[in-house]
């Protein structure tokens, strides 16, 4: 009966741990960081960016949602959608853009709104400029104007009121 030579792969010492690759050449084994830095560095950079981006998105959605729920925003958009000249210039339906700029300050009996609302329709794009005041619990517009992008056309929506 011939006996097969002993091989490290067929070793009967199954329960023994294998040494680190560097230890076989006389080097000390790598630390945890030395073995794992290639995936930890991107993880440590990407995770805070994702968290920060998520927080910024949440704040923007909250702020835009609050602005879009105000009387000044809703009534100004309704006025632009019902104006014959604006609908002729931009087409129907007129949709509001996502990024409204400006500010709204509201108190129980008074307030002020100053908004710039991007709007668009099938024929083009424009900007709705809104200034409104609230006195004794009632809102009224001081400025309500649409300008059409790429033209010098401007429509005063308060002229017909």
N, C-alpha and C. Protein backbone atom coordinates (compact mmCIF):
# COMPACT_ATOMS: atom_id res chain seq x y z
N UNK A 1 0.83 -1.15 0.00
CA UNK A 1 0.00 0.00 0.00
C UNK A 1 0.90 1.24 0.00
N UNK A 2 0.61 2.13 -0.91
CA UNK A 2 1.42 3.34 -0.98
C UNK A 2 0.73 4.45 -0.20
N UNK A 3 1.53 5.20 0.38
CA UNK A 3 1.01 6.28 1.19
C UNK A 3 1.19 7.60 0.44
N UNK A 4 0.11 8.44 0.47
CA UNK A 4 0.16 9.74 -0.23
C UNK A 4 0.91 10.74 0.64
N UNK A 5 1.69 11.59 0.02
CA UNK A 5 2.41 12.58 0.82
C UNK A 5 1.42 13.54 1.49
N UNK A 6 1.77 14.04 2.62
CA UNK A 6 0.92 14.97 3.36
C UNK A 6 0.92 16.33 2.67
N UNK A 7 -0.24 16.91 2.56
CA UNK A 7 -0.40 18.20 1.90
C UNK A 7 -1.07 19.18 2.87
N UNK A 8 -0.75 20.48 2.80
CA UNK A 8 -1.41 21.44 3.69
C UNK A 8 -2.92 21.50 3.44
N UNK A 9 -3.35 21.24 2.19
CA UNK A 9 -4.78 21.29 1.89
C UNK A 9 -5.50 20.07 2.46
N UNK A 10 -4.81 18.95 2.61
CA UNK A 10 -5.41 17.73 3.13
C UNK A 10 -4.94 17.46 4.55
N UNK A 11 -4.57 18.51 5.23
CA UNK A 11 -4.00 18.36 6.57
C UNK A 11 -5.03 17.81 7.54
N UNK A 12 -4.62 16.88 8.40
CA UNK A 12 -5.54 16.36 9.40
C UNK A 12 -5.78 17.34 10.53
N UNK A 13 -5.01 18.44 10.60
CA UNK A 13 -5.18 19.43 11.65
C UNK A 13 -6.29 20.41 11.25
N UNK A 14 -7.52 19.98 11.19
CA UNK A 14 -8.65 20.78 10.72
C UNK A 14 -8.95 21.93 11.68
N UNK A 15 -8.80 21.75 12.96
CA UNK A 15 -9.18 22.75 13.94
C UNK A 15 -8.22 23.91 14.08
N UNK A 16 -7.08 23.92 13.41
CA UNK A 16 -6.10 24.98 13.57
C UNK A 16 -6.41 26.13 12.64
N UNK A 17 -6.23 27.34 13.15
CA UNK A 17 -6.46 28.54 12.35
C UNK A 17 -5.30 28.75 11.39
N UNK A 18 -5.59 29.32 10.25
CA UNK A 18 -4.55 29.61 9.28
C UNK A 18 -3.91 30.94 9.64
N UNK A 19 -2.62 31.06 9.54
CA UNK A 19 -1.96 32.32 9.88
C UNK A 19 -2.24 33.39 8.82
N UNK A 20 -2.09 34.65 9.20
CA UNK A 20 -2.22 35.77 8.27
C UNK A 20 -1.21 35.61 7.15
N UNK A 21 -1.54 36.08 5.92
CA UNK A 21 -0.59 35.95 4.82
C UNK A 21 0.75 36.63 5.10
N UNK A 22 0.75 37.76 5.74
CA UNK A 22 2.00 38.45 6.02
C UNK A 22 2.85 37.73 7.05
N UNK A 23 2.20 36.95 7.93
CA UNK A 23 2.94 36.26 8.98
C UNK A 23 3.81 35.16 8.40
N UNK A 24 3.45 34.60 7.27
CA UNK A 24 4.25 33.55 6.66
C UNK A 24 5.58 34.09 6.15
N UNK A 25 5.64 35.38 5.80
CA UNK A 25 6.87 35.96 5.32
C UNK A 25 7.62 36.69 6.45
N UNK A 26 7.21 36.54 7.69
CA UNK A 26 7.91 37.16 8.80
C UNK A 26 7.39 38.55 9.14
N UNK A 27 6.33 39.03 8.49
CA UNK A 27 5.75 40.33 8.80
C UNK A 27 4.66 40.16 9.84
N UNK A 28 4.45 41.18 10.66
CA UNK A 28 3.35 41.07 11.63
C UNK A 28 2.01 41.14 10.89
N UNK A 29 0.97 40.52 11.41
CA UNK A 29 -0.33 40.57 10.75
C UNK A 29 -0.88 41.99 10.73
N UNK A 30 -1.68 42.30 9.69
CA UNK A 30 -2.27 43.63 9.56
C UNK A 30 -3.33 43.85 10.61
N UNK A 31 -3.46 45.10 11.03
CA UNK A 31 -4.51 45.45 12.00
C UNK A 31 -5.87 45.43 11.29
N UNK A 32 -6.91 45.60 12.08
CA UNK A 32 -8.26 45.63 11.51
C UNK A 32 -8.36 46.77 10.50
N UNK A 33 -7.84 47.95 10.84
CA UNK A 33 -7.89 49.10 9.93
C UNK A 33 -7.09 48.82 8.66
N UNK A 34 -5.96 48.18 8.80
CA UNK A 34 -5.14 47.86 7.64
C UNK A 34 -5.85 46.92 6.67
N UNK A 35 -6.68 46.04 7.20
CA UNK A 35 -7.42 45.12 6.33
C UNK A 35 -8.69 45.74 5.76
N UNK A 36 -9.27 46.72 6.42
CA UNK A 36 -10.62 47.18 6.06
C UNK A 36 -10.72 48.64 5.63
N UNK A 37 -9.63 49.36 5.53
CA UNK A 37 -9.70 50.78 5.22
C UNK A 37 -10.30 51.07 3.84
N UNK A 38 -10.14 50.16 2.91
CA UNK A 38 -10.61 50.42 1.54
C UNK A 38 -12.13 50.55 1.45
N UNK A 39 -12.87 49.93 2.32
CA UNK A 39 -14.31 50.10 2.30
C UNK A 39 -14.79 51.03 3.41
N UNK A 40 -13.99 51.23 4.45
CA UNK A 40 -14.39 52.13 5.54
C UNK A 40 -14.28 53.60 5.14
N UNK A 41 -13.27 53.97 4.40
CA UNK A 41 -13.11 55.38 4.01
C UNK A 41 -14.30 55.84 3.16
N UNK A 42 -14.67 55.13 2.09
CA UNK A 42 -15.87 55.58 1.36
C UNK A 42 -17.13 55.57 2.22
N UNK A 43 -17.26 54.58 3.08
CA UNK A 43 -18.43 54.51 3.94
C UNK A 43 -18.49 55.70 4.89
N UNK A 44 -17.35 56.08 5.45
CA UNK A 44 -17.30 57.21 6.37
C UNK A 44 -17.51 58.55 5.66
N UNK A 45 -17.26 58.61 4.37
CA UNK A 45 -17.48 59.83 3.60
C UNK A 45 -18.91 59.87 3.06
N UNK A 46 -19.38 58.78 2.51
CA UNK A 46 -20.69 58.74 1.87
C UNK A 46 -21.83 58.82 2.87
N UNK A 47 -21.73 58.15 4.00
CA UNK A 47 -22.82 58.14 4.98
C UNK A 47 -23.17 59.55 5.47
N UNK A 48 -22.21 60.36 5.91
CA UNK A 48 -22.57 61.72 6.33
C UNK A 48 -23.15 62.55 5.17
N UNK A 49 -22.65 62.36 3.96
CA UNK A 49 -23.21 63.09 2.83
C UNK A 49 -24.66 62.70 2.58
N UNK A 50 -24.96 61.42 2.66
CA UNK A 50 -26.34 60.97 2.48
C UNK A 50 -27.26 61.50 3.58
N UNK A 51 -26.78 61.47 4.81
CA UNK A 51 -27.58 61.98 5.92
C UNK A 51 -27.81 63.48 5.76
N UNK A 52 -26.75 64.22 5.45
CA UNK A 52 -26.87 65.67 5.25
C UNK A 52 -27.79 65.99 4.09
N UNK A 53 -27.64 65.28 2.98
CA UNK A 53 -28.52 65.48 1.82
C UNK A 53 -29.96 65.17 2.14
N UNK A 54 -30.19 64.13 2.91
CA UNK A 54 -31.55 63.79 3.31
C UNK A 54 -32.18 64.86 4.18
N UNK A 55 -31.39 65.41 5.11
CA UNK A 55 -31.91 66.48 5.97
C UNK A 55 -32.22 67.73 5.17
N UNK A 56 -31.34 68.09 4.25
CA UNK A 56 -31.58 69.27 3.40
C UNK A 56 -32.85 69.06 2.57
N UNK A 57 -33.01 67.88 1.99
CA UNK A 57 -34.21 67.58 1.20
C UNK A 57 -35.46 67.68 2.06
N UNK A 58 -35.41 67.15 3.26
CA UNK A 58 -36.56 67.20 4.16
C UNK A 58 -36.93 68.64 4.51
N UNK A 59 -35.94 69.46 4.80
CA UNK A 59 -36.19 70.86 5.12
C UNK A 59 -36.77 71.59 3.92
N UNK A 60 -36.21 71.37 2.74
CA UNK A 60 -36.72 72.04 1.54
C UNK A 60 -38.16 71.62 1.24
N UNK A 61 -38.45 70.34 1.35
CA UNK A 61 -39.82 69.88 1.12
C UNK A 61 -40.78 70.50 2.13
N UNK A 62 -40.36 70.62 3.36
CA UNK A 62 -41.20 71.22 4.38
C UNK A 62 -41.43 72.71 4.09
N UNK A 63 -40.37 73.42 3.77
CA UNK A 63 -40.48 74.86 3.49
C UNK A 63 -41.33 75.10 2.24
N UNK A 64 -41.04 74.38 1.15
CA UNK A 64 -41.82 74.57 -0.08
C UNK A 64 -43.27 74.17 0.14
N UNK A 65 -43.49 73.12 0.91
CA UNK A 65 -44.86 72.70 1.21
C UNK A 65 -45.61 73.75 2.00
N UNK A 66 -44.94 74.38 2.96
CA UNK A 66 -45.59 75.44 3.73
C UNK A 66 -45.90 76.66 2.86
N UNK A 67 -44.97 77.04 2.00
CA UNK A 67 -45.20 78.19 1.12
C UNK A 67 -46.35 77.88 0.15
N UNK A 68 -46.37 76.66 -0.39
CA UNK A 68 -47.39 76.31 -1.37
C UNK A 68 -48.78 76.15 -0.75
N UNK A 69 -48.87 76.12 0.56
CA UNK A 69 -50.17 76.01 1.20
C UNK A 69 -50.72 77.36 1.65
N UNK A 70 -50.01 78.45 1.34
CA UNK A 70 -50.47 79.77 1.78
C UNK A 70 -51.53 80.32 0.84
N UNK A 71 -52.32 81.24 1.37
CA UNK A 71 -53.36 81.90 0.59
C UNK A 71 -52.73 82.61 -0.61
N UNK A 72 -51.63 83.33 -0.39
CA UNK A 72 -51.02 84.12 -1.47
C UNK A 72 -50.61 83.23 -2.64
N UNK A 73 -49.99 82.09 -2.35
CA UNK A 73 -49.55 81.17 -3.41
C UNK A 73 -50.75 80.61 -4.17
N UNK A 74 -51.72 80.07 -3.45
CA UNK A 74 -52.87 79.42 -4.09
C UNK A 74 -53.69 80.39 -4.92
N UNK A 75 -53.98 81.57 -4.37
CA UNK A 75 -54.79 82.55 -5.09
C UNK A 75 -54.04 83.15 -6.28
N UNK A 76 -52.74 83.36 -6.14
CA UNK A 76 -51.95 83.90 -7.25
C UNK A 76 -51.90 82.91 -8.40
N UNK A 77 -51.71 81.65 -8.09
CA UNK A 77 -51.68 80.62 -9.14
C UNK A 77 -53.05 80.49 -9.80
N UNK A 78 -54.11 80.56 -9.02
CA UNK A 78 -55.47 80.50 -9.59
C UNK A 78 -55.73 81.70 -10.50
N UNK A 79 -55.23 82.88 -10.11
CA UNK A 79 -55.40 84.08 -10.94
C UNK A 79 -54.65 83.94 -12.26
N UNK A 80 -53.44 83.40 -12.22
CA UNK A 80 -52.66 83.21 -13.45
C UNK A 80 -53.34 82.19 -14.36
N UNK A 81 -53.87 81.12 -13.79
CA UNK A 81 -54.53 80.08 -14.59
C UNK A 81 -55.84 80.57 -15.21
N UNK A 82 -56.47 81.55 -14.60
CA UNK A 82 -57.75 82.03 -15.14
C UNK A 82 -57.62 83.27 -16.01
N UNK A 83 -56.42 83.83 -16.12
CA UNK A 83 -56.22 85.02 -16.94
C UNK A 83 -56.13 84.64 -18.41
N UNK A 84 -56.93 85.29 -19.24
CA UNK A 84 -57.01 84.97 -20.67
C UNK A 84 -55.68 85.23 -21.37
N UNK A 85 -55.02 86.35 -21.08
CA UNK A 85 -53.76 86.69 -21.75
C UNK A 85 -52.63 85.72 -21.36
N UNK A 86 -52.58 85.36 -20.09
CA UNK A 86 -51.53 84.45 -19.62
C UNK A 86 -51.72 83.07 -20.23
N UNK A 87 -52.97 82.58 -20.26
CA UNK A 87 -53.22 81.26 -20.84
C UNK A 87 -52.98 81.26 -22.34
N UNK A 88 -53.22 82.41 -23.01
CA UNK A 88 -52.92 82.49 -24.45
C UNK A 88 -51.41 82.46 -24.68
N UNK A 89 -50.64 83.06 -23.81
CA UNK A 89 -49.19 83.12 -23.96
C UNK A 89 -48.51 81.81 -23.58
N UNK A 90 -48.97 81.16 -22.50
CA UNK A 90 -48.30 79.95 -22.02
C UNK A 90 -49.03 78.66 -22.39
N UNK A 91 -50.30 78.76 -22.73
CA UNK A 91 -51.08 77.56 -23.03
C UNK A 91 -51.68 76.98 -21.75
N UNK A 92 -52.53 76.01 -21.95
CA UNK A 92 -53.20 75.35 -20.81
C UNK A 92 -52.81 73.88 -20.79
N UNK A 93 -52.62 73.27 -19.70
CA UNK A 93 -52.73 73.80 -18.34
C UNK A 93 -51.44 74.51 -17.91
N UNK A 94 -51.60 75.44 -16.99
CA UNK A 94 -50.46 76.13 -16.41
C UNK A 94 -50.09 75.41 -15.12
N UNK A 95 -48.83 75.03 -15.03
CA UNK A 95 -48.32 74.31 -13.86
C UNK A 95 -47.28 75.16 -13.14
N UNK A 96 -47.23 75.04 -11.83
CA UNK A 96 -46.23 75.75 -11.05
C UNK A 96 -44.96 74.91 -10.98
N UNK A 97 -43.83 75.59 -11.00
CA UNK A 97 -42.55 74.90 -10.84
C UNK A 97 -42.33 74.51 -9.39
N UNK A 98 -41.32 73.72 -9.14
CA UNK A 98 -41.07 73.21 -7.79
C UNK A 98 -40.39 74.24 -6.87
N UNK A 99 -39.53 75.05 -7.41
CA UNK A 99 -38.69 75.90 -6.56
C UNK A 99 -39.23 77.32 -6.47
N UNK A 100 -40.14 77.52 -5.54
CA UNK A 100 -40.68 78.83 -5.26
C UNK A 100 -39.68 79.55 -4.35
N UNK A 101 -39.44 80.81 -4.65
CA UNK A 101 -38.55 81.59 -3.79
C UNK A 101 -39.35 82.73 -3.15
N UNK A 102 -38.84 83.25 -2.08
CA UNK A 102 -39.50 84.34 -1.40
C UNK A 102 -39.72 84.02 0.06
N UNK A 103 -40.62 84.78 0.66
CA UNK A 103 -40.91 84.53 2.08
C UNK A 103 -42.35 84.88 2.38
N UNK A 104 -42.84 84.28 3.44
CA UNK A 104 -44.19 84.53 3.93
C UNK A 104 -44.10 84.70 5.44
N UNK A 105 -44.68 85.78 5.93
CA UNK A 105 -44.76 86.03 7.37
C UNK A 105 -46.23 86.19 7.71
N UNK A 106 -46.71 85.37 8.62
CA UNK A 106 -48.13 85.41 8.95
C UNK A 106 -48.30 85.50 10.46
N UNK A 107 -49.12 86.43 10.88
CA UNK A 107 -49.55 86.57 12.26
C UNK A 107 -51.07 86.43 12.25
N UNK A 108 -51.70 86.32 13.42
CA UNK A 108 -53.15 86.15 13.41
C UNK A 108 -53.91 87.25 12.66
N UNK A 109 -53.53 88.50 12.82
CA UNK A 109 -54.27 89.57 12.16
C UNK A 109 -53.55 90.23 11.01
N UNK A 110 -52.27 89.93 10.82
CA UNK A 110 -51.51 90.61 9.78
C UNK A 110 -50.52 89.64 9.14
N UNK A 111 -49.93 90.09 8.04
CA UNK A 111 -48.94 89.26 7.38
C UNK A 111 -48.43 89.89 6.11
N UNK A 112 -47.43 89.25 5.54
CA UNK A 112 -46.82 89.73 4.30
C UNK A 112 -46.30 88.53 3.52
N UNK A 113 -46.50 88.54 2.22
CA UNK A 113 -45.97 87.49 1.34
C UNK A 113 -45.27 88.15 0.16
N UNK A 114 -44.11 87.65 -0.16
CA UNK A 114 -43.33 88.11 -1.30
C UNK A 114 -42.79 86.86 -1.98
N UNK A 115 -43.38 86.46 -3.10
CA UNK A 115 -43.07 85.19 -3.74
C UNK A 115 -42.70 85.37 -5.21
N UNK A 116 -41.85 84.49 -5.68
CA UNK A 116 -41.52 84.37 -7.11
C UNK A 116 -41.79 82.91 -7.46
N UNK A 117 -42.79 82.71 -8.32
CA UNK A 117 -43.25 81.36 -8.64
C UNK A 117 -42.98 81.07 -10.12
N UNK A 118 -42.14 80.09 -10.42
CA UNK A 118 -41.95 79.70 -11.83
C UNK A 118 -43.20 78.96 -12.30
N UNK A 119 -43.70 79.33 -13.47
CA UNK A 119 -44.86 78.66 -14.05
C UNK A 119 -44.56 78.28 -15.49
N UNK A 120 -45.29 77.30 -15.99
CA UNK A 120 -45.08 76.87 -17.38
C UNK A 120 -46.36 76.27 -17.93
N UNK A 121 -46.44 76.30 -19.24
CA UNK A 121 -47.54 75.69 -19.97
C UNK A 121 -46.98 75.06 -21.23
N UNK A 122 -47.84 74.49 -22.06
CA UNK A 122 -47.35 73.83 -23.28
C UNK A 122 -46.63 74.78 -24.26
N UNK A 123 -46.97 76.07 -24.22
CA UNK A 123 -46.38 77.03 -25.16
C UNK A 123 -45.14 77.74 -24.63
N UNK A 124 -44.89 77.68 -23.33
CA UNK A 124 -43.74 78.40 -22.81
C UNK A 124 -43.70 78.44 -21.30
N UNK A 125 -42.73 79.22 -20.83
CA UNK A 125 -42.50 79.36 -19.39
C UNK A 125 -42.58 80.82 -18.99
N UNK A 126 -42.84 81.03 -17.72
CA UNK A 126 -42.92 82.39 -17.21
C UNK A 126 -42.65 82.42 -15.73
N UNK A 127 -42.79 83.61 -15.17
CA UNK A 127 -42.58 83.80 -13.75
C UNK A 127 -43.73 84.62 -13.20
N UNK A 128 -44.28 84.17 -12.10
CA UNK A 128 -45.38 84.85 -11.43
C UNK A 128 -44.81 85.56 -10.21
N UNK A 129 -44.91 86.88 -10.20
CA UNK A 129 -44.42 87.70 -9.09
C UNK A 129 -45.60 88.08 -8.20
N UNK A 130 -45.45 87.81 -6.92
CA UNK A 130 -46.56 88.01 -5.98
C UNK A 130 -46.09 88.79 -4.77
N UNK A 131 -46.84 89.84 -4.44
CA UNK A 131 -46.69 90.53 -3.16
C UNK A 131 -48.09 90.67 -2.60
N UNK A 132 -48.25 90.27 -1.35
CA UNK A 132 -49.56 90.35 -0.72
C UNK A 132 -49.41 90.82 0.72
N UNK A 133 -50.43 91.46 1.21
CA UNK A 133 -50.47 91.94 2.59
C UNK A 133 -51.72 91.40 3.27
N UNK A 134 -51.61 91.20 4.55
CA UNK A 134 -52.75 90.78 5.34
C UNK A 134 -52.97 91.84 6.41
N UNK A 135 -54.16 92.45 6.41
CA UNK A 135 -54.50 93.47 7.40
C UNK A 135 -55.88 93.14 7.96
N UNK A 136 -56.01 93.23 9.26
CA UNK A 136 -57.26 92.92 9.96
C UNK A 136 -57.83 91.57 9.54
N UNK A 137 -56.93 90.59 9.32
CA UNK A 137 -57.35 89.22 9.00
C UNK A 137 -57.66 88.96 7.54
N UNK A 138 -57.56 89.97 6.67
CA UNK A 138 -57.88 89.80 5.25
C UNK A 138 -56.64 90.01 4.39
N UNK A 139 -56.43 89.09 3.44
CA UNK A 139 -55.32 89.20 2.50
C UNK A 139 -55.74 90.02 1.28
N UNK A 140 -54.81 90.74 0.70
CA UNK A 140 -55.01 91.41 -0.58
C UNK A 140 -53.66 91.50 -1.29
N UNK A 141 -53.71 91.49 -2.63
CA UNK A 141 -52.49 91.56 -3.43
C UNK A 141 -52.08 93.01 -3.64
N UNK A 142 -50.79 93.26 -3.58
CA UNK A 142 -50.25 94.56 -3.97
C UNK A 142 -49.53 94.45 -5.31
N UNK A 143 -49.01 93.27 -5.61
CA UNK A 143 -48.38 92.99 -6.91
C UNK A 143 -48.80 91.59 -7.33
N UNK A 144 -49.23 91.45 -8.56
CA UNK A 144 -49.57 90.15 -9.13
C UNK A 144 -49.31 90.25 -10.62
N UNK A 145 -48.13 89.78 -11.03
CA UNK A 145 -47.66 90.00 -12.40
C UNK A 145 -46.99 88.74 -12.95
N UNK A 146 -47.22 88.50 -14.24
CA UNK A 146 -46.59 87.37 -14.93
C UNK A 146 -45.72 87.92 -16.04
N UNK A 147 -44.46 87.45 -16.08
CA UNK A 147 -43.59 87.75 -17.22
C UNK A 147 -43.34 86.44 -17.96
N UNK A 148 -43.29 86.53 -19.28
CA UNK A 148 -43.09 85.36 -20.12
C UNK A 148 -41.62 85.29 -20.51
N UNK A 149 -41.00 84.13 -20.29
CA UNK A 149 -39.58 83.93 -20.58
C UNK A 149 -39.32 84.06 -22.07
N UNK A 150 -38.22 84.71 -22.40
CA UNK A 150 -37.80 84.84 -23.79
C UNK A 150 -38.51 85.96 -24.53
N UNK A 151 -39.37 86.69 -23.85
CA UNK A 151 -40.07 87.82 -24.47
C UNK A 151 -40.03 89.00 -23.52
N UNK A 152 -40.54 90.12 -23.98
CA UNK A 152 -40.69 91.29 -23.10
C UNK A 152 -42.12 91.39 -22.60
N UNK A 153 -42.91 90.33 -22.78
CA UNK A 153 -44.32 90.35 -22.39
C UNK A 153 -44.45 90.27 -20.88
N UNK A 154 -45.31 91.14 -20.35
CA UNK A 154 -45.60 91.16 -18.92
C UNK A 154 -47.09 91.42 -18.76
N UNK A 155 -47.72 90.69 -17.86
CA UNK A 155 -49.17 90.79 -17.68
C UNK A 155 -49.46 91.13 -16.22
N UNK A 156 -50.11 92.28 -16.01
CA UNK A 156 -50.51 92.71 -14.68
C UNK A 156 -51.88 92.10 -14.39
N UNK A 157 -51.94 91.14 -13.50
CA UNK A 157 -53.18 90.44 -13.21
C UNK A 157 -54.08 91.24 -12.28
N UNK A 158 -53.60 92.32 -11.71
CA UNK A 158 -54.44 93.18 -10.87
C UNK A 158 -55.20 94.22 -11.68
N UNK A 159 -54.80 94.43 -12.93
CA UNK A 159 -55.44 95.45 -13.76
C UNK A 159 -56.92 95.17 -13.99
N UNK A 160 -57.28 93.91 -14.10
CA UNK A 160 -58.68 93.55 -14.35
C UNK A 160 -59.49 93.35 -13.09
N UNK A 161 -58.90 93.54 -11.93
CA UNK A 161 -59.61 93.30 -10.66
C UNK A 161 -60.20 94.55 -10.09
